[in-house]
Each structure stands twice: as C-alpha cells, then as structure tokens.
Amino acid sequence: MPKITPCLWFDGQAEEAAAFYTSLLPDSRIDKVHRSAADNPSMREGEVLTVDFTVAGQPFIGLNGGPEFKFNEAVSFSIDCEDQAEVDRLWDALIEGGGEHSVCGWLKDRFGVSWQVIPRQLNEMLESDDRDGARRAMEAMLGMTKIEVSKLREAYEGVPA
C-alpha cells in the first residue's frame, strides 16, 4: 500500500462512485469493500463504510461519511488523454447523469468530484519553444469548455479562425 492514498468523502455513494470510476480507465478495479462493524452517525452496522479502489493504477479510498462535507474545485483529478477521442469519451462519461461542465477542460461529475480532462497535445504546445504558438494555444484553451485539439492546433499554428 502506498504511503499516501486520497480518501474521497461521499454521502452513501462510495461503492457506486468506485464502480463508475473503475469503469473509465484501464488498470482500474475495486480492491475491497469494508462494512461498518457497528452503528455510527453515518450508517448502520453492516452497511458499506469504505471502498478501496484503483483508477489507472492510483489507489483511492471512498468513505461513506455522510452529508456534512461536499467536494469543491480546490481538489481535482487531472486525466492525461492520449487524443481527442479519449477526451470526448471521458468527458461524456463524466458529465453523464448530472455532471456539470466548467471551463478550460474542467468538469464536475454527478458525485461532485472535479476533473480536468486534458489532451496531451495541450501540454506539448504550452511547453514548446515556440512561445508565440504557446501563447495562442493558451488563449484558445481559455475560451473553451471541453478542450478541442484541432482548435488548439489551429491557434498554435496561427491559422486564422
């Protein structure tokens, strides 16, 4: 087990969220479901207390802690996407069922968890030695909701809109 594992606080949805997240990317699985050994303020004995799960090789814990705390954008998970097809697939899956899109590749899924769905090409452009192209790509990205690689490429290359 790693020394640090992110723990996500849910209001009774930890198992559902873990099943959803593990369906999105390879090297993902539910590792163990832990049931409460006794009644507590959040649940009855025998109900799901925590879920250990792995998404793309990264371990997580989902905790059914109750309604006291909510997710916000101060913590998000960034997904490095191979291409536009992967951006589109993950964006659509994460938005489905009540998620909300934001700006610059950010969204919230139906559980309230914030994600950044970022094509690898964006970072390649922003880190390029072509500083004018990098600036144009950054400015284009700032006007997007879901990141679109073709529009980034056009901006980077200076193709008029």
N, C-alpha and C. Protein backbone atom coordinates (compact mmCIF):
# COMPACT_ATOMS: atom_id res chain seq x y z
N MET A 1 0.84 -1.18 0.00
CA MET A 1 0.00 0.00 0.00
C MET A 1 0.89 1.24 0.00
N PRO A 2 0.51 2.25 -0.81
CA PRO A 2 1.31 3.46 -0.82
C PRO A 2 1.22 4.21 0.51
N LYS A 3 2.16 5.09 0.74
CA LYS A 3 2.18 5.85 1.98
C LYS A 3 1.01 6.84 2.05
N ILE A 4 0.63 7.40 0.91
CA ILE A 4 -0.48 8.36 0.85
C ILE A 4 -1.51 7.86 -0.15
N THR A 5 -2.76 7.79 0.28
CA THR A 5 -3.87 7.39 -0.58
C THR A 5 -4.98 8.42 -0.43
N PRO A 6 -5.42 9.06 -1.53
CA PRO A 6 -6.53 10.00 -1.42
C PRO A 6 -7.79 9.31 -0.92
N CYS A 7 -8.47 9.96 0.01
CA CYS A 7 -9.73 9.46 0.56
C CYS A 7 -10.83 10.44 0.15
N LEU A 8 -11.83 9.94 -0.53
CA LEU A 8 -12.93 10.76 -1.03
C LEU A 8 -14.17 10.53 -0.16
N TRP A 9 -14.74 11.60 0.35
CA TRP A 9 -15.88 11.55 1.27
C TRP A 9 -17.17 11.61 0.47
N PHE A 10 -17.98 10.58 0.57
CA PHE A 10 -19.27 10.51 -0.12
C PHE A 10 -20.40 10.44 0.90
N ASP A 11 -21.58 10.76 0.43
CA ASP A 11 -22.79 10.66 1.25
C ASP A 11 -23.54 9.39 0.83
N GLY A 12 -22.98 8.23 1.18
CA GLY A 12 -23.61 6.96 0.88
C GLY A 12 -23.40 6.44 -0.53
N GLN A 13 -22.56 7.09 -1.33
CA GLN A 13 -22.37 6.71 -2.73
C GLN A 13 -20.99 6.15 -3.04
N ALA A 14 -20.20 5.81 -2.05
CA ALA A 14 -18.81 5.40 -2.28
C ALA A 14 -18.71 4.18 -3.20
N GLU A 15 -19.54 3.19 -2.98
CA GLU A 15 -19.46 1.98 -3.80
C GLU A 15 -19.90 2.27 -5.24
N GLU A 16 -20.96 3.05 -5.42
CA GLU A 16 -21.43 3.42 -6.75
C GLU A 16 -20.37 4.25 -7.48
N ALA A 17 -19.77 5.20 -6.78
CA ALA A 17 -18.73 6.04 -7.39
C ALA A 17 -17.52 5.20 -7.77
N ALA A 18 -17.09 4.31 -6.90
CA ALA A 18 -15.93 3.46 -7.19
C ALA A 18 -16.20 2.60 -8.42
N ALA A 19 -17.39 2.03 -8.52
CA ALA A 19 -17.74 1.21 -9.68
C ALA A 19 -17.70 2.05 -10.96
N PHE A 20 -18.20 3.27 -10.89
CA PHE A 20 -18.19 4.17 -12.04
C PHE A 20 -16.75 4.53 -12.43
N TYR A 21 -15.96 5.01 -11.49
CA TYR A 21 -14.59 5.44 -11.80
C TYR A 21 -13.74 4.29 -12.34
N THR A 22 -13.91 3.11 -11.79
CA THR A 22 -13.10 1.98 -12.25
C THR A 22 -13.51 1.49 -13.63
N SER A 23 -14.68 1.92 -14.11
CA SER A 23 -15.12 1.54 -15.45
C SER A 23 -14.52 2.43 -16.54
N LEU A 24 -13.88 3.52 -16.15
CA LEU A 24 -13.45 4.53 -17.12
C LEU A 24 -12.09 4.27 -17.77
N LEU A 25 -11.15 3.74 -17.01
CA LEU A 25 -9.76 3.65 -17.48
C LEU A 25 -9.18 2.27 -17.21
N PRO A 26 -8.22 1.85 -18.05
CA PRO A 26 -7.53 0.58 -17.80
C PRO A 26 -6.77 0.62 -16.47
N ASP A 27 -6.38 -0.54 -15.98
CA ASP A 27 -5.66 -0.69 -14.71
C ASP A 27 -6.48 -0.12 -13.56
N SER A 28 -7.79 -0.39 -13.58
CA SER A 28 -8.72 0.09 -12.56
C SER A 28 -9.53 -1.08 -12.03
N ARG A 29 -9.84 -1.03 -10.73
CA ARG A 29 -10.58 -2.13 -10.13
C ARG A 29 -11.05 -1.74 -8.73
N ILE A 30 -12.07 -2.42 -8.26
CA ILE A 30 -12.44 -2.31 -6.85
C ILE A 30 -11.63 -3.36 -6.12
N ASP A 31 -10.89 -2.91 -5.12
CA ASP A 31 -9.99 -3.81 -4.40
C ASP A 31 -10.66 -4.46 -3.19
N LYS A 32 -11.44 -3.69 -2.44
CA LYS A 32 -12.09 -4.25 -1.26
C LYS A 32 -13.20 -3.33 -0.79
N VAL A 33 -14.27 -3.94 -0.32
CA VAL A 33 -15.39 -3.21 0.28
C VAL A 33 -15.39 -3.54 1.77
N HIS A 34 -15.38 -2.50 2.60
CA HIS A 34 -15.37 -2.67 4.06
C HIS A 34 -16.73 -2.25 4.61
N ARG A 35 -17.28 -3.09 5.44
CA ARG A 35 -18.59 -2.81 6.04
C ARG A 35 -18.39 -2.36 7.49
N SER A 36 -19.28 -1.51 7.94
CA SER A 36 -19.18 -0.97 9.29
C SER A 36 -19.37 -2.08 10.33
N ALA A 37 -18.49 -2.11 11.30
CA ALA A 37 -18.56 -3.12 12.36
C ALA A 37 -19.59 -2.78 13.43
N ALA A 38 -20.07 -1.52 13.39
CA ALA A 38 -21.06 -1.10 14.40
C ALA A 38 -21.86 0.08 13.84
N ASP A 39 -23.00 0.35 14.42
CA ASP A 39 -23.73 1.56 14.08
C ASP A 39 -22.84 2.76 14.36
N ASN A 40 -22.97 3.80 13.54
CA ASN A 40 -22.22 5.04 13.76
C ASN A 40 -23.09 6.19 13.25
N PRO A 41 -22.66 7.42 13.40
CA PRO A 41 -23.51 8.55 12.98
C PRO A 41 -23.87 8.55 11.49
N SER A 42 -23.09 7.88 10.65
CA SER A 42 -23.34 7.91 9.21
C SER A 42 -24.09 6.69 8.69
N MET A 43 -24.10 5.59 9.45
CA MET A 43 -24.69 4.36 8.92
C MET A 43 -24.96 3.33 10.01
N ARG A 44 -25.63 2.30 9.59
CA ARG A 44 -25.92 1.18 10.47
C ARG A 44 -24.83 0.10 10.30
N GLU A 45 -24.71 -0.73 11.29
CA GLU A 45 -23.79 -1.87 11.23
C GLU A 45 -24.05 -2.67 9.96
N GLY A 46 -22.98 -3.06 9.26
CA GLY A 46 -23.08 -3.89 8.07
C GLY A 46 -23.18 -3.12 6.77
N GLU A 47 -23.46 -1.82 6.82
CA GLU A 47 -23.51 -1.02 5.60
C GLU A 47 -22.09 -0.70 5.14
N VAL A 48 -21.94 -0.32 3.87
CA VAL A 48 -20.62 -0.03 3.31
C VAL A 48 -20.04 1.22 3.96
N LEU A 49 -18.91 1.04 4.61
CA LEU A 49 -18.20 2.14 5.26
C LEU A 49 -17.18 2.74 4.30
N THR A 50 -16.29 1.89 3.77
CA THR A 50 -15.27 2.36 2.82
C THR A 50 -15.13 1.37 1.67
N VAL A 51 -14.61 1.90 0.57
CA VAL A 51 -14.31 1.09 -0.60
C VAL A 51 -12.88 1.43 -1.02
N ASP A 52 -12.01 0.43 -1.06
CA ASP A 52 -10.67 0.60 -1.60
C ASP A 52 -10.76 0.32 -3.09
N PHE A 53 -10.30 1.27 -3.91
CA PHE A 53 -10.34 1.06 -5.35
C PHE A 53 -9.14 1.71 -6.02
N THR A 54 -8.88 1.27 -7.23
CA THR A 54 -7.73 1.74 -8.00
C THR A 54 -8.24 2.25 -9.34
N VAL A 55 -7.79 3.46 -9.72
CA VAL A 55 -8.12 4.04 -11.02
C VAL A 55 -6.83 4.36 -11.73
N ALA A 56 -6.61 3.72 -12.88
CA ALA A 56 -5.39 3.92 -13.68
C ALA A 56 -4.14 3.75 -12.82
N GLY A 57 -4.17 2.74 -11.95
CA GLY A 57 -3.01 2.44 -11.12
C GLY A 57 -2.92 3.25 -9.83
N GLN A 58 -3.77 4.27 -9.67
CA GLN A 58 -3.76 5.13 -8.48
C GLN A 58 -4.78 4.62 -7.46
N PRO A 59 -4.33 4.26 -6.25
CA PRO A 59 -5.29 3.81 -5.24
C PRO A 59 -6.07 4.97 -4.63
N PHE A 60 -7.31 4.68 -4.28
CA PHE A 60 -8.20 5.63 -3.61
C PHE A 60 -8.96 4.89 -2.52
N ILE A 61 -9.50 5.66 -1.59
CA ILE A 61 -10.45 5.15 -0.63
C ILE A 61 -11.72 5.99 -0.79
N GLY A 62 -12.85 5.34 -0.91
CA GLY A 62 -14.14 6.03 -0.90
C GLY A 62 -14.77 5.79 0.46
N LEU A 63 -15.10 6.86 1.16
CA LEU A 63 -15.67 6.79 2.51
C LEU A 63 -17.10 7.28 2.48
N ASN A 64 -18.01 6.50 3.00
CA ASN A 64 -19.40 6.93 3.17
C ASN A 64 -19.50 7.67 4.50
N GLY A 65 -19.16 8.95 4.47
CA GLY A 65 -19.07 9.74 5.69
C GLY A 65 -20.33 10.51 6.05
N GLY A 66 -21.27 10.60 5.12
CA GLY A 66 -22.50 11.34 5.41
C GLY A 66 -22.53 12.68 4.68
N PRO A 67 -23.56 13.48 4.96
CA PRO A 67 -23.80 14.71 4.20
C PRO A 67 -23.01 15.94 4.66
N GLU A 68 -22.20 15.83 5.69
CA GLU A 68 -21.55 17.02 6.27
C GLU A 68 -20.60 17.75 5.33
N PHE A 69 -19.86 17.02 4.49
CA PHE A 69 -18.85 17.65 3.65
C PHE A 69 -19.14 17.41 2.18
N LYS A 70 -18.85 18.40 1.36
CA LYS A 70 -19.07 18.34 -0.09
C LYS A 70 -17.74 18.56 -0.81
N PHE A 71 -17.64 18.03 -2.00
CA PHE A 71 -16.47 18.28 -2.84
C PHE A 71 -16.52 19.70 -3.37
N ASN A 72 -15.35 20.26 -3.67
CA ASN A 72 -15.28 21.52 -4.40
C ASN A 72 -14.05 21.52 -5.30
N GLU A 73 -13.88 22.57 -6.07
CA GLU A 73 -12.82 22.63 -7.07
C GLU A 73 -11.43 22.78 -6.49
N ALA A 74 -11.31 22.94 -5.18
CA ALA A 74 -9.98 23.07 -4.58
C ALA A 74 -9.14 21.81 -4.78
N VAL A 75 -9.80 20.68 -5.00
CA VAL A 75 -9.12 19.43 -5.33
C VAL A 75 -9.77 18.87 -6.58
N SER A 76 -8.94 18.52 -7.55
CA SER A 76 -9.45 17.91 -8.78
C SER A 76 -8.49 16.84 -9.23
N PHE A 77 -8.96 16.00 -10.13
CA PHE A 77 -8.13 14.94 -10.69
C PHE A 77 -7.95 15.22 -12.17
N SER A 78 -6.71 15.28 -12.60
CA SER A 78 -6.39 15.59 -13.99
C SER A 78 -6.11 14.28 -14.74
N ILE A 79 -6.79 14.13 -15.87
CA ILE A 79 -6.60 12.94 -16.69
C ILE A 79 -5.80 13.32 -17.93
N ASP A 80 -4.66 12.69 -18.12
CA ASP A 80 -3.81 12.88 -19.29
C ASP A 80 -4.37 12.02 -20.42
N CYS A 81 -4.99 12.69 -21.41
CA CYS A 81 -5.65 11.96 -22.50
C CYS A 81 -4.75 11.88 -23.71
N GLU A 82 -4.74 10.72 -24.33
CA GLU A 82 -3.90 10.44 -25.50
C GLU A 82 -4.29 11.30 -26.70
N ASP A 83 -5.59 11.49 -26.91
CA ASP A 83 -6.05 12.18 -28.12
C ASP A 83 -7.48 12.70 -27.90
N GLN A 84 -8.04 13.31 -28.94
CA GLN A 84 -9.38 13.88 -28.84
C GLN A 84 -10.43 12.81 -28.57
N ALA A 85 -10.26 11.63 -29.14
CA ALA A 85 -11.23 10.56 -28.91
C ALA A 85 -11.31 10.21 -27.43
N GLU A 86 -10.16 10.16 -26.75
CA GLU A 86 -10.18 9.84 -25.33
C GLU A 86 -10.78 11.00 -24.53
N VAL A 87 -10.45 12.24 -24.92
CA VAL A 87 -11.07 13.40 -24.27
C VAL A 87 -12.58 13.31 -24.38
N ASP A 88 -13.08 13.07 -25.59
CA ASP A 88 -14.52 13.02 -25.82
C ASP A 88 -15.18 11.90 -25.02
N ARG A 89 -14.58 10.72 -25.01
CA ARG A 89 -15.15 9.58 -24.30
C ARG A 89 -15.24 9.84 -22.80
N LEU A 90 -14.15 10.32 -22.21
CA LEU A 90 -14.12 10.55 -20.77
C LEU A 90 -15.00 11.75 -20.38
N TRP A 91 -14.96 12.80 -21.19
CA TRP A 91 -15.80 13.97 -20.92
C TRP A 91 -17.27 13.56 -20.88
N ASP A 92 -17.70 12.85 -21.91
CA ASP A 92 -19.10 12.43 -21.99
C ASP A 92 -19.48 11.53 -20.83
N ALA A 93 -18.62 10.60 -20.47
CA ALA A 93 -18.91 9.67 -19.36
C ALA A 93 -19.00 10.41 -18.03
N LEU A 94 -18.09 11.34 -17.80
CA LEU A 94 -18.06 12.05 -16.52
C LEU A 94 -19.21 13.06 -16.39
N ILE A 95 -19.66 13.61 -17.49
CA ILE A 95 -20.78 14.56 -17.46
C ILE A 95 -22.13 13.84 -17.33
N GLU A 96 -22.20 12.63 -17.86
CA GLU A 96 -23.46 11.89 -17.90
C GLU A 96 -24.08 11.73 -16.51
N GLY A 97 -25.37 11.82 -16.45
CA GLY A 97 -26.09 11.54 -15.21
C GLY A 97 -26.11 12.68 -14.22
N GLY A 98 -25.83 13.89 -14.66
CA GLY A 98 -25.93 15.03 -13.75
C GLY A 98 -24.65 15.79 -13.51
N GLY A 99 -23.59 15.47 -14.25
CA GLY A 99 -22.36 16.23 -14.13
C GLY A 99 -22.51 17.63 -14.72
N GLU A 100 -21.54 18.49 -14.46
CA GLU A 100 -21.58 19.86 -14.94
C GLU A 100 -20.25 20.21 -15.58
N HIS A 101 -20.30 20.79 -16.78
CA HIS A 101 -19.05 21.24 -17.39
C HIS A 101 -18.69 22.61 -16.85
N SER A 102 -17.43 22.94 -16.92
CA SER A 102 -16.93 24.23 -16.49
C SER A 102 -16.14 24.81 -17.65
N VAL A 103 -14.98 25.35 -17.39
CA VAL A 103 -14.15 25.94 -18.44
C VAL A 103 -12.77 25.30 -18.45
N CYS A 104 -12.07 25.47 -19.57
CA CYS A 104 -10.66 25.05 -19.69
C CYS A 104 -10.45 23.57 -19.43
N GLY A 105 -11.42 22.73 -19.81
CA GLY A 105 -11.27 21.29 -19.64
C GLY A 105 -11.70 20.76 -18.28
N TRP A 106 -12.29 21.60 -17.44
CA TRP A 106 -12.73 21.19 -16.11
C TRP A 106 -14.20 20.80 -16.15
N LEU A 107 -14.57 19.87 -15.26
CA LEU A 107 -15.96 19.48 -15.09
C LEU A 107 -16.13 18.88 -13.70
N LYS A 108 -17.39 18.77 -13.30
CA LYS A 108 -17.75 18.04 -12.08
C LYS A 108 -18.59 16.86 -12.50
N ASP A 109 -18.30 15.69 -11.94
CA ASP A 109 -19.13 14.52 -12.24
C ASP A 109 -20.38 14.54 -11.37
N ARG A 110 -21.23 13.55 -11.54
CA ARG A 110 -22.52 13.52 -10.82
C ARG A 110 -22.36 13.37 -9.31
N PHE A 111 -21.16 12.99 -8.85
CA PHE A 111 -20.90 12.88 -7.42
C PHE A 111 -20.34 14.18 -6.84
N GLY A 112 -20.03 15.13 -7.73
CA GLY A 112 -19.47 16.41 -7.29
C GLY A 112 -17.96 16.49 -7.35
N VAL A 113 -17.30 15.42 -7.79
CA VAL A 113 -15.83 15.41 -7.88
C VAL A 113 -15.41 16.18 -9.13
N SER A 114 -14.40 17.05 -8.99
CA SER A 114 -13.90 17.84 -10.10
C SER A 114 -12.78 17.11 -10.84
N TRP A 115 -12.84 17.21 -12.17
CA TRP A 115 -11.88 16.57 -13.06
C TRP A 115 -11.37 17.57 -14.08
N GLN A 116 -10.15 17.38 -14.51
CA GLN A 116 -9.59 18.10 -15.65
C GLN A 116 -9.32 17.05 -16.72
N VAL A 117 -9.98 17.19 -17.86
CA VAL A 117 -9.84 16.22 -18.95
C VAL A 117 -8.97 16.90 -20.01
N ILE A 118 -7.69 16.56 -20.02
CA ILE A 118 -6.69 17.33 -20.75
C ILE A 118 -5.98 16.48 -21.80
N PRO A 119 -6.04 16.90 -23.07
CA PRO A 119 -5.29 16.18 -24.09
C PRO A 119 -3.79 16.45 -23.94
N ARG A 120 -3.02 15.42 -24.11
CA ARG A 120 -1.57 15.51 -24.00
C ARG A 120 -1.00 16.62 -24.91
N GLN A 121 -1.66 16.84 -26.04
CA GLN A 121 -1.18 17.82 -27.01
C GLN A 121 -1.17 19.23 -26.42
N LEU A 122 -2.09 19.54 -25.50
CA LEU A 122 -2.11 20.87 -24.89
C LEU A 122 -0.80 21.15 -24.17
N ASN A 123 -0.37 20.24 -23.33
CA ASN A 123 0.89 20.44 -22.61
C ASN A 123 2.08 20.51 -23.55
N GLU A 124 2.07 19.71 -24.61
CA GLU A 124 3.16 19.77 -25.59
C GLU A 124 3.23 21.16 -26.21
N MET A 125 2.07 21.74 -26.54
CA MET A 125 2.05 23.08 -27.13
C MET A 125 2.50 24.13 -26.12
N LEU A 126 1.99 24.05 -24.90
CA LEU A 126 2.32 25.05 -23.89
C LEU A 126 3.78 25.01 -23.48
N GLU A 127 4.41 23.85 -23.59
CA GLU A 127 5.82 23.70 -23.22
C GLU A 127 6.77 23.86 -24.40
N SER A 128 6.22 24.19 -25.55
CA SER A 128 7.00 24.32 -26.78
C SER A 128 7.97 25.51 -26.71
N ASP A 129 9.02 25.42 -27.50
CA ASP A 129 9.94 26.54 -27.65
C ASP A 129 9.32 27.68 -28.45
N ASP A 130 8.26 27.40 -29.19
CA ASP A 130 7.54 28.42 -29.95
C ASP A 130 6.64 29.17 -28.97
N ARG A 131 7.16 30.22 -28.36
CA ARG A 131 6.43 30.94 -27.32
C ARG A 131 5.19 31.65 -27.86
N ASP A 132 5.23 32.14 -29.11
CA ASP A 132 4.05 32.76 -29.69
C ASP A 132 2.95 31.71 -29.90
N GLY A 133 3.34 30.55 -30.40
CA GLY A 133 2.39 29.46 -30.57
C GLY A 133 1.81 29.01 -29.24
N ALA A 134 2.67 28.92 -28.22
CA ALA A 134 2.22 28.53 -26.88
C ALA A 134 1.21 29.54 -26.35
N ARG A 135 1.49 30.82 -26.53
CA ARG A 135 0.57 31.86 -26.07
C ARG A 135 -0.77 31.74 -26.78
N ARG A 136 -0.75 31.55 -28.11
CA ARG A 136 -2.00 31.42 -28.87
C ARG A 136 -2.78 30.19 -28.42
N ALA A 137 -2.09 29.08 -28.18
CA ALA A 137 -2.76 27.86 -27.70
C ALA A 137 -3.38 28.09 -26.33
N MET A 138 -2.66 28.78 -25.44
CA MET A 138 -3.19 29.07 -24.11
C MET A 138 -4.42 29.96 -24.21
N GLU A 139 -4.36 30.98 -25.04
CA GLU A 139 -5.51 31.88 -25.20
C GLU A 139 -6.71 31.12 -25.77
N ALA A 140 -6.48 30.21 -26.71
CA ALA A 140 -7.56 29.41 -27.27
C ALA A 140 -8.17 28.51 -26.19
N MET A 141 -7.33 27.86 -25.40
CA MET A 141 -7.79 26.98 -24.34
C MET A 141 -8.65 27.74 -23.33
N LEU A 142 -8.28 28.97 -23.02
CA LEU A 142 -9.02 29.76 -22.04
C LEU A 142 -10.45 30.06 -22.48
N GLY A 143 -10.71 29.96 -23.79
CA GLY A 143 -12.05 30.19 -24.30
C GLY A 143 -12.86 28.92 -24.51
N MET A 144 -12.33 27.79 -24.11
CA MET A 144 -13.00 26.51 -24.34
C MET A 144 -13.67 26.00 -23.07
N THR A 145 -14.64 25.13 -23.27
CA THR A 145 -15.21 24.33 -22.19
C THR A 145 -14.47 23.00 -22.24
N LYS A 146 -14.89 22.10 -23.12
CA LYS A 146 -14.13 20.87 -23.37
C LYS A 146 -12.99 21.25 -24.32
N ILE A 147 -11.80 20.75 -24.05
CA ILE A 147 -10.63 21.07 -24.88
C ILE A 147 -10.75 20.36 -26.23
N GLU A 148 -10.55 21.11 -27.29
CA GLU A 148 -10.61 20.59 -28.65
C GLU A 148 -9.23 20.71 -29.30
N VAL A 149 -8.61 19.57 -29.55
CA VAL A 149 -7.24 19.52 -30.05
C VAL A 149 -7.12 20.24 -31.39
N SER A 150 -8.07 20.07 -32.30
CA SER A 150 -7.96 20.69 -33.62
C SER A 150 -7.94 22.21 -33.51
N LYS A 151 -8.76 22.77 -32.63
CA LYS A 151 -8.77 24.23 -32.44
C LYS A 151 -7.50 24.71 -31.74
N LEU A 152 -6.99 23.92 -30.82
CA LEU A 152 -5.70 24.25 -30.20
C LEU A 152 -4.60 24.29 -31.25
N ARG A 153 -4.58 23.27 -32.11
CA ARG A 153 -3.56 23.16 -33.15
C ARG A 153 -3.63 24.36 -34.09
N GLU A 154 -4.86 24.72 -34.50
CA GLU A 154 -5.02 25.88 -35.39
C GLU A 154 -4.49 27.16 -34.72
N ALA A 155 -4.84 27.36 -33.46
CA ALA A 155 -4.35 28.55 -32.75
C ALA A 155 -2.83 28.52 -32.62
N TYR A 156 -2.29 27.36 -32.24
CA TYR A 156 -0.84 27.22 -32.07
C TYR A 156 -0.12 27.56 -33.38
N GLU A 157 -0.65 27.08 -34.48
CA GLU A 157 -0.02 27.30 -35.79
C GLU A 157 -0.34 28.65 -36.39
N GLY A 158 -1.22 29.42 -35.74
CA GLY A 158 -1.55 30.75 -36.23
C GLY A 158 -2.53 30.76 -37.38
N VAL A 159 -3.31 29.68 -37.50
CA VAL A 159 -4.33 29.60 -38.57
C VAL A 159 -5.47 30.52 -38.17
N PRO A 160 -5.86 31.48 -39.04
CA PRO A 160 -6.97 32.37 -38.69
C PRO A 160 -8.28 31.59 -38.47
N ALA A 161 -9.05 32.06 -37.49
CA ALA A 161 -10.32 31.39 -37.18
C ALA A 161 -11.37 31.66 -38.22
